[in-house]
Amino acid sequence: MTENTASVRDARAHLAEHINQAEEGTPTVITRNGAPVAAVVPIADFEALEEAADVLLAREAEAVLADGEPTISMAELLADLFSERGEGAA
């Protein structure tokens, strides 16, 4: 698969062109100071990546449950996350 590279400035100036290329199957990697920071990719590629990530997370969760490791509920997780946010904001 061919890939384009564009600076943030170029990506802003030619966004429609990069979107058209993505629709045609060619991703564009966006760089800032020469380092990759984002990408404009075909939606099918993005959806495949999301699906693969979901499958990986599900497998990891199944492995934790199979090992009998301790788990917490979603309510406990959210309570912990929000209590950490409150402490950091003070």
Protein backbone atom coordinates (compact mmCIF):
# COMPACT_ATOMS: atom_id res chain seq x y z
CA MET A 1 0.00 0.00 0.00
CA THR A 2 1.32 3.41 -0.96
CA GLU A 3 1.35 6.11 1.68
CA ASN A 4 1.65 9.88 1.44
CA THR A 5 3.25 12.12 4.02
CA ALA A 6 2.23 15.71 4.65
CA SER A 7 3.12 18.34 7.21
CA VAL A 8 0.34 19.74 9.36
CA ARG A 9 0.49 22.93 7.32
CA ASP A 10 0.16 21.02 4.03
CA ALA A 11 -2.62 18.85 5.43
CA ARG A 12 -4.60 21.95 6.40
CA ALA A 13 -4.08 23.54 3.00
CA HIS A 14 -4.96 20.39 1.05
CA LEU A 15 -7.35 18.52 3.34
CA ALA A 16 -9.88 17.79 0.58
CA GLU A 17 -7.12 16.25 -1.56
CA HIS A 18 -5.95 14.02 1.31
CA ILE A 19 -9.54 12.94 1.95
CA ASN A 20 -9.99 12.10 -1.74
CA GLN A 21 -6.79 10.03 -1.65
CA ALA A 22 -8.04 8.19 1.44
CA GLU A 23 -11.30 7.43 -0.37
CA GLU A 24 -9.18 5.93 -3.17
CA GLY A 25 -7.32 3.75 -0.64
CA THR A 26 -4.17 5.82 -0.04
CA PRO A 27 -3.53 6.98 3.54
CA THR A 28 -1.69 10.18 4.38
CA VAL A 29 0.52 10.38 7.46
CA ILE A 30 0.51 13.86 8.98
CA THR A 31 3.79 15.04 10.47
CA ARG A 32 4.77 17.82 12.85
CA ASN A 33 8.43 18.76 12.86
CA GLY A 34 9.10 15.62 10.83
CA ALA A 35 7.50 13.25 13.34
CA PRO A 36 4.28 11.36 12.51
CA VAL A 37 1.36 12.58 14.66
CA ALA A 38 -1.84 11.58 12.83
CA ALA A 39 -3.20 9.96 9.69
CA VAL A 40 -6.01 10.37 7.20
CA VAL A 41 -6.96 6.80 6.31
CA PRO A 42 -9.67 5.06 4.33
CA ILE A 43 -12.70 4.50 6.58
CA ALA A 44 -12.51 0.74 5.93
CA ASP A 45 -8.97 0.69 7.37
CA PHE A 46 -10.09 2.68 10.41
CA GLU A 47 -13.05 0.37 11.01
CA ALA A 48 -10.83 -2.70 10.65
CA LEU A 49 -8.40 -1.25 13.19
CA GLU A 50 -11.22 -0.55 15.65
CA GLU A 51 -12.57 -4.07 15.21
CA ALA A 52 -9.12 -5.60 15.72
CA ALA A 53 -8.63 -3.54 18.88
CA ASP A 54 -12.03 -4.70 20.20
CA VAL A 55 -11.12 -8.34 19.53
CA LEU A 56 -7.75 -7.93 21.25
CA LEU A 57 -9.32 -6.31 24.32
CA ALA A 58 -11.97 -9.04 24.50
CA ARG A 59 -9.27 -11.74 24.35
CA GLU A 60 -7.30 -10.02 27.09
CA ALA A 61 -10.42 -9.77 29.26
CA GLU A 62 -11.21 -13.45 28.67
CA ALA A 63 -7.65 -14.36 29.68
CA VAL A 64 -7.93 -12.38 32.92
CA LEU A 65 -11.23 -14.06 33.76
CA ALA A 66 -9.83 -17.51 32.89
CA ASP A 67 -6.85 -16.94 35.19
CA GLY A 68 -9.20 -16.12 38.06
CA GLU A 69 -7.54 -12.76 38.61
CA PRO A 70 -9.51 -10.26 40.70
CA THR A 71 -11.90 -8.01 38.80
CA ILE A 72 -13.81 -4.84 39.58
CA SER A 73 -17.19 -3.63 38.43
CA MET A 74 -17.67 -0.78 35.96
CA ALA A 75 -19.14 1.30 38.81
CA GLU A 76 -15.94 0.81 40.85
CA LEU A 77 -13.78 1.69 37.86
CA LEU A 78 -15.73 4.88 37.14
CA ALA A 79 -15.70 5.87 40.81
CA ASP A 80 -11.90 5.47 40.87
CA LEU A 81 -11.47 7.45 37.65
CA PHE A 82 -13.63 10.34 38.81
CA SER A 83 -12.04 10.46 42.26
CA GLU A 84 -8.58 10.68 40.61
CA ARG A 85 -9.79 13.54 38.37
CA GLY A 86 -11.12 15.42 41.37
CA GLU A 87 -7.80 15.07 43.20
CA GLY A 88 -5.79 16.27 40.19
CA ALA A 89 -8.01 19.32 39.63
CA ALA A 90 -7.61 20.61 43.19
